[in-house]
Amino acid sequence: MLDIETLGTEPDSIVTELGIYTFSKNESYTSASLYGRVGITDQIRVGRTMSSSTLKWHFEKNAVNFLEYIDADKSNIDDALSALKLFVEAEKRKMPGCKIYIWANSPTFDIIILKDLYKSLGYPIEETIFNEDLFKYQTIMDYRTIVKLIDKEDLDLIKQEVESESEEGSYHNALYDAIHQSKVLMKIAHYLGD
């Protein structure tokens, strides 16, 4: 499950956080995670954008996380994207022969912005996580579509159960959201009888 936090909603928006969490129905599989706060200077230099409405939203609806981001140490964007690629490749090696799916809350948001980020920094796309072995359109899955298929009352119960089991964290932190969404999907799979 991939989640990003941004300073806008357009494909060229500045990315502030990357979070990824691995999960599987295979009970012997051990989940792994990667989280990074990303600096904005290099992104501004290549023309990535932010919107005043998104900044306003952060201050009104996400103030705690946003203020933590402002005060925290941040990776430069090249290091963060390199770490993301190495992480995904390492996870793929842990399960040779298994098909890996990349989930996002909304691929039309997270995946499109992330792909545009690689392009804007001059990365050849085939050398990034979007190569044939990692993120390809056939393996990108949509969390929002799945949760819309579940009855609202049942989904609310599933989400409450996940929240009661969750470690501390808060929405709109990229890693917390990735973990939360992964656990909701696993409970939905169990609810539907795998």
N, C-alpha and C. Protein backbone atom coordinates (compact mmCIF):
# COMPACT_ATOMS: atom_id res chain seq x y z
N MET A 1 0.86 -1.17 0.00
CA MET A 1 0.00 0.00 0.00
C MET A 1 0.90 1.23 0.00
N LEU A 2 0.68 2.08 -0.97
CA LEU A 2 1.45 3.31 -1.10
C LEU A 2 0.56 4.49 -0.71
N ASP A 3 1.12 5.41 0.05
CA ASP A 3 0.40 6.64 0.35
C ASP A 3 1.38 7.80 0.31
N ILE A 4 0.94 8.91 -0.24
CA ILE A 4 1.77 10.12 -0.24
C ILE A 4 0.97 11.27 0.34
N GLU A 5 1.69 12.24 0.84
CA GLU A 5 1.09 13.51 1.25
C GLU A 5 1.70 14.58 0.36
N THR A 6 0.90 15.56 0.01
CA THR A 6 1.32 16.55 -0.97
C THR A 6 0.90 17.95 -0.55
N LEU A 7 1.35 18.92 -1.33
CA LEU A 7 0.93 20.31 -1.14
C LEU A 7 0.00 20.76 -2.27
N GLY A 8 -0.62 19.81 -2.93
CA GLY A 8 -1.58 20.10 -3.99
C GLY A 8 -2.21 18.83 -4.48
N THR A 9 -3.09 18.94 -5.46
CA THR A 9 -3.78 17.76 -5.98
C THR A 9 -3.51 17.52 -7.47
N GLU A 10 -2.71 18.36 -8.08
CA GLU A 10 -2.38 18.20 -9.50
C GLU A 10 -1.21 17.24 -9.65
N PRO A 11 -1.03 16.66 -10.85
CA PRO A 11 0.08 15.72 -11.05
C PRO A 11 1.46 16.29 -10.71
N ASP A 12 1.63 17.61 -10.86
CA ASP A 12 2.94 18.21 -10.59
C ASP A 12 3.06 18.78 -9.18
N SER A 13 2.22 18.32 -8.26
CA SER A 13 2.24 18.82 -6.89
C SER A 13 3.49 18.37 -6.13
N ILE A 14 3.91 19.19 -5.20
CA ILE A 14 5.03 18.86 -4.32
C ILE A 14 4.61 17.73 -3.38
N VAL A 15 5.49 16.75 -3.23
CA VAL A 15 5.27 15.62 -2.32
C VAL A 15 6.02 15.91 -1.02
N THR A 16 5.33 15.75 0.10
CA THR A 16 5.96 16.00 1.40
C THR A 16 6.26 14.72 2.18
N GLU A 17 5.51 13.66 1.93
CA GLU A 17 5.72 12.39 2.64
C GLU A 17 5.47 11.23 1.70
N LEU A 18 6.25 10.17 1.89
CA LEU A 18 6.05 8.89 1.21
C LEU A 18 5.90 7.82 2.28
N GLY A 19 4.87 7.01 2.15
CA GLY A 19 4.70 5.88 3.07
C GLY A 19 4.33 4.64 2.28
N ILE A 20 4.93 3.53 2.63
CA ILE A 20 4.57 2.28 1.97
C ILE A 20 4.59 1.17 3.02
N TYR A 21 3.61 0.27 2.92
CA TYR A 21 3.47 -0.82 3.87
C TYR A 21 3.12 -2.07 3.09
N THR A 22 3.80 -3.16 3.38
CA THR A 22 3.56 -4.41 2.66
C THR A 22 2.65 -5.32 3.48
N PHE A 23 1.83 -6.07 2.79
CA PHE A 23 0.93 -7.01 3.46
C PHE A 23 0.60 -8.16 2.52
N SER A 24 0.15 -9.25 3.10
CA SER A 24 -0.17 -10.44 2.32
C SER A 24 -1.16 -11.31 3.08
N LYS A 25 -1.94 -12.08 2.33
CA LYS A 25 -2.81 -13.08 2.97
C LYS A 25 -1.99 -14.24 3.54
N ASN A 26 -0.79 -14.41 3.04
CA ASN A 26 0.10 -15.47 3.49
C ASN A 26 0.51 -15.17 4.94
N GLU A 27 0.10 -16.01 5.87
CA GLU A 27 0.34 -15.75 7.28
C GLU A 27 1.82 -15.80 7.66
N SER A 28 2.65 -16.45 6.85
CA SER A 28 4.07 -16.51 7.17
C SER A 28 4.82 -15.25 6.72
N TYR A 29 4.15 -14.41 5.96
CA TYR A 29 4.78 -13.19 5.46
C TYR A 29 4.88 -12.16 6.58
N THR A 30 6.03 -11.51 6.68
CA THR A 30 6.23 -10.45 7.66
C THR A 30 6.17 -9.10 6.95
N SER A 31 5.25 -8.27 7.39
CA SER A 31 5.09 -6.95 6.78
C SER A 31 6.32 -6.08 7.01
N ALA A 32 6.50 -5.13 6.11
CA ALA A 32 7.59 -4.18 6.21
C ALA A 32 7.06 -2.80 5.84
N SER A 33 7.78 -1.78 6.23
CA SER A 33 7.31 -0.43 5.93
C SER A 33 8.48 0.49 5.63
N LEU A 34 8.15 1.56 4.94
CA LEU A 34 9.11 2.62 4.65
C LEU A 34 8.37 3.94 4.79
N TYR A 35 9.01 4.89 5.44
CA TYR A 35 8.40 6.21 5.61
C TYR A 35 9.47 7.27 5.44
N GLY A 36 9.12 8.32 4.75
CA GLY A 36 10.06 9.41 4.62
C GLY A 36 9.36 10.75 4.46
N ARG A 37 9.91 11.73 5.15
CA ARG A 37 9.49 13.11 4.93
C ARG A 37 10.45 13.69 3.89
N VAL A 38 9.90 14.41 2.93
CA VAL A 38 10.68 14.85 1.79
C VAL A 38 10.74 16.38 1.77
N GLY A 39 11.95 16.90 1.57
CA GLY A 39 12.12 18.34 1.45
C GLY A 39 11.52 18.86 0.15
N ILE A 40 11.22 20.15 0.13
CA ILE A 40 10.55 20.71 -1.04
C ILE A 40 11.46 21.53 -1.96
N THR A 41 12.65 21.90 -1.50
CA THR A 41 13.51 22.80 -2.27
C THR A 41 13.81 22.26 -3.66
N ASP A 42 14.26 21.01 -3.76
CA ASP A 42 14.57 20.43 -5.07
C ASP A 42 13.34 20.31 -5.95
N GLN A 43 12.19 20.10 -5.33
CA GLN A 43 10.95 20.00 -6.10
C GLN A 43 10.54 21.36 -6.67
N ILE A 44 10.71 22.40 -5.88
CA ILE A 44 10.39 23.75 -6.36
C ILE A 44 11.32 24.10 -7.52
N ARG A 45 12.58 23.72 -7.39
CA ARG A 45 13.58 24.03 -8.41
C ARG A 45 13.20 23.44 -9.77
N VAL A 46 12.53 22.29 -9.79
CA VAL A 46 12.15 21.68 -11.08
C VAL A 46 10.72 22.04 -11.47
N GLY A 47 10.11 22.99 -10.77
CA GLY A 47 8.82 23.51 -11.18
C GLY A 47 7.59 22.83 -10.60
N ARG A 48 7.79 22.01 -9.57
CA ARG A 48 6.61 21.38 -8.96
C ARG A 48 5.84 22.45 -8.18
N THR A 49 4.57 22.21 -7.98
CA THR A 49 3.69 23.27 -7.50
C THR A 49 3.02 22.93 -6.18
N MET A 50 2.44 23.96 -5.57
CA MET A 50 1.60 23.79 -4.39
C MET A 50 0.38 24.69 -4.59
N SER A 51 -0.69 24.36 -3.89
CA SER A 51 -1.89 25.17 -4.03
C SER A 51 -2.27 25.77 -2.69
N SER A 52 -2.79 26.97 -2.74
CA SER A 52 -3.19 27.64 -1.50
C SER A 52 -4.34 26.90 -0.83
N SER A 53 -5.22 26.29 -1.61
CA SER A 53 -6.34 25.56 -0.99
C SER A 53 -5.85 24.32 -0.24
N THR A 54 -4.82 23.65 -0.76
CA THR A 54 -4.28 22.49 -0.05
C THR A 54 -3.53 22.92 1.20
N LEU A 55 -2.77 24.00 1.12
CA LEU A 55 -2.10 24.52 2.31
C LEU A 55 -3.11 24.90 3.37
N LYS A 56 -4.18 25.54 2.98
CA LYS A 56 -5.25 25.91 3.91
C LYS A 56 -5.85 24.65 4.54
N TRP A 57 -6.09 23.62 3.70
CA TRP A 57 -6.64 22.37 4.21
C TRP A 57 -5.70 21.77 5.26
N HIS A 58 -4.39 21.76 4.99
CA HIS A 58 -3.44 21.21 5.96
C HIS A 58 -3.54 21.95 7.29
N PHE A 59 -3.59 23.26 7.24
CA PHE A 59 -3.65 24.03 8.49
C PHE A 59 -4.97 23.85 9.22
N GLU A 60 -6.06 23.61 8.50
CA GLU A 60 -7.37 23.45 9.14
C GLU A 60 -7.67 22.01 9.55
N LYS A 61 -7.27 21.03 8.75
CA LYS A 61 -7.68 19.64 8.97
C LYS A 61 -6.53 18.71 9.35
N ASN A 62 -5.31 19.17 9.19
CA ASN A 62 -4.15 18.29 9.36
C ASN A 62 -3.02 19.01 10.09
N ALA A 63 -3.38 19.91 10.97
CA ALA A 63 -2.38 20.81 11.57
C ALA A 63 -1.28 20.07 12.32
N VAL A 64 -1.62 19.06 13.11
CA VAL A 64 -0.61 18.36 13.91
C VAL A 64 0.44 17.73 13.01
N ASN A 65 0.00 16.95 12.01
CA ASN A 65 0.96 16.31 11.10
C ASN A 65 1.74 17.34 10.30
N PHE A 66 1.06 18.38 9.85
CA PHE A 66 1.72 19.37 9.01
C PHE A 66 2.79 20.13 9.80
N LEU A 67 2.49 20.46 11.03
CA LEU A 67 3.49 21.15 11.85
C LEU A 67 4.66 20.22 12.19
N GLU A 68 4.39 18.94 12.41
CA GLU A 68 5.47 17.97 12.60
C GLU A 68 6.35 17.91 11.36
N TYR A 69 5.71 17.91 10.19
CA TYR A 69 6.47 17.87 8.94
C TYR A 69 7.39 19.09 8.85
N ILE A 70 6.86 20.27 9.14
CA ILE A 70 7.64 21.51 9.02
C ILE A 70 8.87 21.46 9.92
N ASP A 71 8.72 20.93 11.14
CA ASP A 71 9.82 20.90 12.10
C ASP A 71 10.78 19.73 11.92
N ALA A 72 10.38 18.72 11.17
CA ALA A 72 11.16 17.48 11.10
C ALA A 72 12.31 17.56 10.10
N ASP A 73 13.29 16.67 10.31
CA ASP A 73 14.34 16.48 9.32
C ASP A 73 13.70 15.86 8.08
N LYS A 74 14.21 16.22 6.92
CA LYS A 74 13.63 15.72 5.68
C LYS A 74 14.74 15.21 4.77
N SER A 75 14.42 14.20 3.98
CA SER A 75 15.34 13.68 2.97
C SER A 75 15.27 14.57 1.74
N ASN A 76 16.39 14.60 0.99
CA ASN A 76 16.24 15.25 -0.32
C ASN A 76 15.46 14.28 -1.21
N ILE A 77 14.86 14.82 -2.23
CA ILE A 77 13.93 14.02 -3.03
C ILE A 77 14.60 12.85 -3.72
N ASP A 78 15.84 13.03 -4.21
CA ASP A 78 16.52 11.91 -4.88
C ASP A 78 16.76 10.75 -3.92
N ASP A 79 17.18 11.05 -2.70
CA ASP A 79 17.39 9.99 -1.71
C ASP A 79 16.09 9.28 -1.37
N ALA A 80 15.01 10.04 -1.23
CA ALA A 80 13.71 9.44 -0.89
C ALA A 80 13.23 8.52 -2.01
N LEU A 81 13.35 8.95 -3.26
CA LEU A 81 12.89 8.12 -4.37
C LEU A 81 13.79 6.90 -4.56
N SER A 82 15.07 7.05 -4.30
CA SER A 82 15.99 5.91 -4.37
C SER A 82 15.65 4.89 -3.28
N ALA A 83 15.38 5.38 -2.07
CA ALA A 83 15.00 4.48 -0.96
C ALA A 83 13.71 3.74 -1.28
N LEU A 84 12.76 4.43 -1.88
CA LEU A 84 11.49 3.79 -2.24
C LEU A 84 11.72 2.67 -3.24
N LYS A 85 12.52 2.93 -4.26
CA LYS A 85 12.79 1.90 -5.28
C LYS A 85 13.51 0.69 -4.66
N LEU A 86 14.52 0.96 -3.85
CA LEU A 86 15.26 -0.14 -3.21
C LEU A 86 14.36 -0.96 -2.29
N PHE A 87 13.48 -0.29 -1.57
CA PHE A 87 12.55 -0.98 -0.68
C PHE A 87 11.63 -1.91 -1.47
N VAL A 88 11.01 -1.40 -2.53
CA VAL A 88 10.08 -2.20 -3.32
C VAL A 88 10.81 -3.38 -3.95
N GLU A 89 12.01 -3.15 -4.47
CA GLU A 89 12.79 -4.25 -5.07
C GLU A 89 13.14 -5.31 -4.03
N ALA A 90 13.51 -4.89 -2.82
CA ALA A 90 13.85 -5.84 -1.76
C ALA A 90 12.63 -6.67 -1.36
N GLU A 91 11.48 -6.03 -1.27
CA GLU A 91 10.26 -6.77 -0.92
C GLU A 91 9.90 -7.77 -2.01
N LYS A 92 10.10 -7.39 -3.25
CA LYS A 92 9.82 -8.31 -4.35
C LYS A 92 10.74 -9.54 -4.28
N ARG A 93 12.00 -9.32 -3.93
CA ARG A 93 12.95 -10.45 -3.81
C ARG A 93 12.57 -11.40 -2.67
N LYS A 94 11.89 -10.89 -1.63
CA LYS A 94 11.49 -11.74 -0.50
C LYS A 94 10.45 -12.77 -0.92
N MET A 95 9.73 -12.51 -2.01
CA MET A 95 8.66 -13.41 -2.43
C MET A 95 8.83 -13.76 -3.91
N PRO A 96 9.90 -14.48 -4.25
CA PRO A 96 10.14 -14.78 -5.66
C PRO A 96 8.97 -15.59 -6.24
N GLY A 97 8.61 -15.22 -7.44
CA GLY A 97 7.53 -15.95 -8.12
C GLY A 97 6.14 -15.50 -7.74
N CYS A 98 6.01 -14.67 -6.73
CA CYS A 98 4.69 -14.18 -6.32
C CYS A 98 4.36 -12.90 -7.07
N LYS A 99 3.11 -12.74 -7.40
CA LYS A 99 2.67 -11.51 -8.05
C LYS A 99 2.50 -10.44 -6.98
N ILE A 100 3.07 -9.27 -7.23
CA ILE A 100 2.96 -8.16 -6.30
C ILE A 100 2.00 -7.13 -6.88
N TYR A 101 1.09 -6.67 -6.04
CA TYR A 101 0.15 -5.63 -6.44
C TYR A 101 0.46 -4.38 -5.64
N ILE A 102 0.35 -3.25 -6.29
CA ILE A 102 0.56 -1.97 -5.64
C ILE A 102 -0.81 -1.35 -5.41
N TRP A 103 -1.13 -1.13 -4.16
CA TRP A 103 -2.40 -0.53 -3.79
C TRP A 103 -2.18 0.94 -3.46
N ALA A 104 -3.17 1.75 -3.76
CA ALA A 104 -3.15 3.15 -3.37
C ALA A 104 -4.58 3.56 -3.05
N ASN A 105 -4.72 4.52 -2.15
CA ASN A 105 -6.05 5.02 -1.81
C ASN A 105 -6.76 5.46 -3.07
N SER A 106 -6.03 6.11 -3.93
CA SER A 106 -6.55 6.46 -5.25
C SER A 106 -5.36 6.51 -6.22
N PRO A 107 -5.25 5.52 -7.09
CA PRO A 107 -4.15 5.55 -8.05
C PRO A 107 -4.13 6.81 -8.90
N THR A 108 -5.31 7.40 -9.14
CA THR A 108 -5.34 8.62 -9.94
C THR A 108 -4.79 9.81 -9.18
N PHE A 109 -4.50 9.63 -7.91
CA PHE A 109 -3.83 10.66 -7.12
C PHE A 109 -2.40 10.22 -6.83
N ASP A 110 -2.23 9.26 -5.94
CA ASP A 110 -0.90 8.85 -5.47
C ASP A 110 0.03 8.41 -6.60
N ILE A 111 -0.44 7.52 -7.44
CA ILE A 111 0.41 6.94 -8.47
C ILE A 111 0.75 7.99 -9.55
N ILE A 112 -0.24 8.75 -9.97
CA ILE A 112 0.00 9.75 -11.02
C ILE A 112 0.97 10.83 -10.53
N ILE A 113 0.79 11.30 -9.29
CA ILE A 113 1.70 12.33 -8.76
C ILE A 113 3.11 11.76 -8.61
N LEU A 114 3.22 10.54 -8.10
CA LEU A 114 4.54 9.94 -7.92
C LEU A 114 5.25 9.73 -9.27
N LYS A 115 4.52 9.26 -10.26
CA LYS A 115 5.13 9.07 -11.58
C LYS A 115 5.56 10.41 -12.17
N ASP A 116 4.74 11.43 -12.02
CA ASP A 116 5.09 12.76 -12.52
C ASP A 116 6.32 13.32 -11.79
N LEU A 117 6.43 12.98 -10.50
CA LEU A 117 7.59 13.42 -9.73
C LEU A 117 8.88 12.85 -10.31
N TYR A 118 8.89 11.54 -10.58
CA TYR A 118 10.07 10.93 -11.20
C TYR A 118 10.39 11.62 -12.53
N LYS A 119 9.38 11.83 -13.35
CA LYS A 119 9.60 12.46 -14.66
C LYS A 119 10.16 13.87 -14.50
N SER A 120 9.59 14.66 -13.59
CA SER A 120 10.03 16.06 -13.45
C SER A 120 11.47 16.16 -12.98
N LEU A 121 11.95 15.12 -12.29
CA LEU A 121 13.33 15.11 -11.83
C LEU A 121 14.28 14.52 -12.87
N GLY A 122 13.75 14.13 -14.02
CA GLY A 122 14.58 13.65 -15.12
C GLY A 122 14.91 12.17 -15.08
N TYR A 123 14.22 11.39 -14.23
CA TYR A 123 14.48 9.95 -14.19
C TYR A 123 13.87 9.29 -15.42
N PRO A 124 14.63 8.44 -16.12
CA PRO A 124 14.00 7.63 -17.16
C PRO A 124 13.00 6.69 -16.47
N ILE A 125 11.75 6.73 -16.86
CA ILE A 125 10.71 5.99 -16.16
C ILE A 125 11.01 4.51 -16.05
N GLU A 126 11.60 3.92 -17.10
CA GLU A 126 11.89 2.47 -17.05
C GLU A 126 12.94 2.11 -16.01
N GLU A 127 13.63 3.11 -15.45
CA GLU A 127 14.63 2.84 -14.40
C GLU A 127 14.09 3.15 -13.01
N THR A 128 12.82 3.46 -12.90
CA THR A 128 12.21 3.79 -11.62
C THR A 128 11.34 2.62 -11.16
N ILE A 129 10.52 2.86 -10.15
CA ILE A 129 9.59 1.82 -9.70
C ILE A 129 8.52 1.52 -10.74
N PHE A 130 8.43 2.34 -11.78
CA PHE A 130 7.43 2.12 -12.82
C PHE A 130 7.93 1.25 -13.95
N ASN A 131 8.99 0.48 -13.69
CA ASN A 131 9.47 -0.42 -14.73
C ASN A 131 8.58 -1.66 -14.80
N GLU A 132 8.87 -2.52 -15.73
CA GLU A 132 8.02 -3.69 -15.96
C GLU A 132 7.97 -4.67 -14.78
N ASP A 133 8.97 -4.64 -13.92
CA ASP A 133 8.99 -5.58 -12.81
C ASP A 133 8.25 -5.08 -11.56
N LEU A 134 8.01 -3.80 -11.48
CA LEU A 134 7.46 -3.25 -10.25
C LEU A 134 6.07 -2.65 -10.48
N PHE A 135 5.96 -1.36 -10.59
CA PHE A 135 4.66 -0.72 -10.77
C PHE A 135 4.30 -0.73 -12.26
N LYS A 136 3.34 -1.49 -12.63
CA LYS A 136 2.85 -1.44 -14.00
C LYS A 136 1.33 -1.41 -13.93
N TYR A 137 0.71 -0.92 -14.95
CA TYR A 137 -0.72 -0.63 -14.85
C TYR A 137 -1.56 -1.86 -14.50
N GLN A 138 -1.11 -3.07 -14.88
CA GLN A 138 -1.89 -4.27 -14.58
C GLN A 138 -1.87 -4.64 -13.10
N THR A 139 -0.93 -4.09 -12.35
CA THR A 139 -0.81 -4.50 -10.94
C THR A 139 -1.14 -3.37 -9.96
N ILE A 140 -1.66 -2.26 -10.47
CA ILE A 140 -2.01 -1.15 -9.59
C ILE A 140 -3.49 -1.27 -9.21
N MET A 141 -3.74 -1.32 -7.91
CA MET A 141 -5.08 -1.56 -7.37
C MET A 141 -5.60 -0.33 -6.62
N ASP A 142 -6.92 -0.22 -6.54
CA ASP A 142 -7.58 0.97 -6.03
C ASP A 142 -8.35 0.66 -4.73
N TYR A 143 -7.82 1.15 -3.61
CA TYR A 143 -8.44 0.96 -2.30
C TYR A 143 -9.86 1.53 -2.26
N ARG A 144 -10.06 2.72 -2.77
CA ARG A 144 -11.38 3.37 -2.68
C ARG A 144 -12.46 2.57 -3.38
N THR A 145 -12.14 1.94 -4.48
CA THR A 145 -13.13 1.13 -5.18
C THR A 145 -13.54 -0.05 -4.31
N ILE A 146 -12.58 -0.71 -3.71
CA ILE A 146 -12.88 -1.88 -2.88
C ILE A 146 -13.78 -1.49 -1.70
N VAL A 147 -13.43 -0.42 -1.00
CA VAL A 147 -14.24 -0.07 0.18
C VAL A 147 -15.64 0.36 -0.20
N LYS A 148 -15.83 0.87 -1.41
CA LYS A 148 -17.18 1.26 -1.85
C LYS A 148 -18.06 0.04 -2.12
N LEU A 149 -17.46 -1.13 -2.27
CA LEU A 149 -18.23 -2.34 -2.52
C LEU A 149 -18.80 -2.95 -1.24
N ILE A 150 -18.36 -2.46 -0.10
CA ILE A 150 -18.80 -2.99 1.19
C ILE A 150 -19.92 -2.12 1.75
N ASP A 151 -20.92 -2.75 2.31
CA ASP A 151 -22.01 -2.04 2.95
C ASP A 151 -21.44 -1.05 3.98
N LYS A 152 -21.97 0.17 4.01
CA LYS A 152 -21.43 1.23 4.86
C LYS A 152 -21.36 0.82 6.33
N GLU A 153 -22.41 0.19 6.85
CA GLU A 153 -22.39 -0.22 8.26
C GLU A 153 -21.29 -1.24 8.52
N ASP A 154 -21.14 -2.20 7.62
CA ASP A 154 -20.09 -3.20 7.78
C ASP A 154 -18.71 -2.56 7.66
N LEU A 155 -18.56 -1.64 6.72
CA LEU A 155 -17.28 -0.95 6.55
C LEU A 155 -16.94 -0.14 7.79
N ASP A 156 -17.93 0.54 8.36
CA ASP A 156 -17.69 1.31 9.59
C ASP A 156 -17.21 0.41 10.71
N LEU A 157 -17.80 -0.78 10.83
CA LEU A 157 -17.37 -1.73 11.86
C LEU A 157 -15.94 -2.21 11.60
N ILE A 158 -15.63 -2.49 10.35
CA ILE A 158 -14.28 -2.92 9.99
C ILE A 158 -13.27 -1.84 10.34
N LYS A 159 -13.58 -0.59 9.97
CA LYS A 159 -12.65 0.51 10.25
C LYS A 159 -12.49 0.74 11.75
N GLN A 160 -13.58 0.61 12.50
CA GLN A 160 -13.49 0.76 13.96
C GLN A 160 -12.60 -0.33 14.55
N GLU A 161 -12.75 -1.54 14.06
CA GLU A 161 -11.92 -2.65 14.54
C GLU A 161 -10.44 -2.39 14.25
N VAL A 162 -10.15 -1.92 13.03
CA VAL A 162 -8.76 -1.61 12.66
C VAL A 162 -8.22 -0.50 13.56
N GLU A 163 -9.00 0.55 13.77
CA GLU A 163 -8.56 1.65 14.61
C GLU A 163 -8.29 1.21 16.05
N SER A 164 -9.12 0.30 16.56
CA SER A 164 -8.93 -0.16 17.94
C SER A 164 -7.66 -1.00 18.08
N GLU A 165 -7.23 -1.63 16.99
CA GLU A 165 -6.02 -2.46 17.01
C GLU A 165 -4.77 -1.68 16.62
N SER A 166 -4.95 -0.47 16.11
CA SER A 166 -3.83 0.29 15.57
C SER A 166 -2.95 0.87 16.65
N GLU A 167 -1.67 0.99 16.28
CA GLU A 167 -0.73 1.71 17.13
C GLU A 167 -1.02 3.19 16.98
N GLU A 168 -0.40 3.98 17.81
CA GLU A 168 -0.63 5.41 17.73
C GLU A 168 -0.24 5.93 16.35
N GLY A 169 -0.92 6.97 15.96
CA GLY A 169 -0.67 7.61 14.67
C GLY A 169 -1.86 8.47 14.34
N SER A 170 -1.80 9.11 13.22
CA SER A 170 -2.93 9.94 12.85
C SER A 170 -3.09 9.98 11.34
N TYR A 171 -4.33 10.17 10.93
CA TYR A 171 -4.63 10.26 9.52
C TYR A 171 -3.81 11.37 8.87
N HIS A 172 -3.53 11.16 7.62
CA HIS A 172 -2.77 12.10 6.79
C HIS A 172 -1.30 12.13 7.15
N ASN A 173 -0.84 11.10 7.82
CA ASN A 173 0.57 10.76 7.89
C ASN A 173 0.69 9.61 6.90
N ALA A 174 1.59 9.72 5.95
CA ALA A 174 1.62 8.76 4.84
C ALA A 174 1.78 7.31 5.30
N LEU A 175 2.62 7.06 6.28
CA LEU A 175 2.79 5.68 6.73
C LEU A 175 1.57 5.19 7.51
N TYR A 176 1.06 6.02 8.40
CA TYR A 176 -0.13 5.61 9.16
C TYR A 176 -1.27 5.27 8.21
N ASP A 177 -1.49 6.12 7.21
CA ASP A 177 -2.57 5.86 6.26
C ASP A 177 -2.33 4.57 5.48
N ALA A 178 -1.09 4.32 5.07
CA ALA A 178 -0.78 3.10 4.32
C ALA A 178 -1.06 1.86 5.18
N ILE A 179 -0.66 1.91 6.44
CA ILE A 179 -0.90 0.77 7.34
C ILE A 179 -2.40 0.59 7.57
N HIS A 180 -3.08 1.67 7.88
CA HIS A 180 -4.52 1.61 8.15
C HIS A 180 -5.27 1.04 6.94
N GLN A 181 -4.98 1.54 5.76
CA GLN A 181 -5.68 1.07 4.56
C GLN A 181 -5.37 -0.40 4.28
N SER A 182 -4.14 -0.82 4.52
CA SER A 182 -3.78 -2.23 4.33
C SER A 182 -4.58 -3.13 5.25
N LYS A 183 -4.70 -2.73 6.50
CA LYS A 183 -5.41 -3.55 7.48
C LYS A 183 -6.90 -3.58 7.18
N VAL A 184 -7.45 -2.48 6.69
CA VAL A 184 -8.85 -2.48 6.28
C VAL A 184 -9.04 -3.47 5.13
N LEU A 185 -8.17 -3.46 4.15
CA LEU A 185 -8.28 -4.39 3.03
C LEU A 185 -8.20 -5.84 3.50
N MET A 186 -7.29 -6.13 4.43
CA MET A 186 -7.18 -7.51 4.93
C MET A 186 -8.45 -7.94 5.64
N LYS A 187 -9.05 -7.05 6.40
CA LYS A 187 -10.30 -7.39 7.08
C LYS A 187 -11.45 -7.53 6.09
N ILE A 188 -11.46 -6.73 5.05
CA ILE A 188 -12.47 -6.89 4.01
C ILE A 188 -12.31 -8.25 3.33
N ALA A 189 -11.07 -8.65 3.04
CA ALA A 189 -10.83 -9.96 2.43
C ALA A 189 -11.37 -11.08 3.34
N HIS A 190 -11.11 -10.95 4.64
CA HIS A 190 -11.63 -11.95 5.59
C HIS A 190 -13.16 -11.90 5.62
N TYR A 191 -13.71 -10.71 5.63
CA TYR A 191 -15.17 -10.51 5.64
C TYR A 191 -15.82 -11.17 4.42
N LEU A 192 -15.16 -11.06 3.28
CA LEU A 192 -15.70 -11.63 2.04
C LEU A 192 -15.36 -13.11 1.89
N GLY A 193 -14.64 -13.65 2.87
CA GLY A 193 -14.29 -15.07 2.82
C GLY A 193 -13.09 -15.35 1.94
N ASP A 194 -12.14 -14.39 1.93
CA ASP A 194 -10.91 -14.48 1.14
C ASP A 194 -11.27 -14.72 -0.32
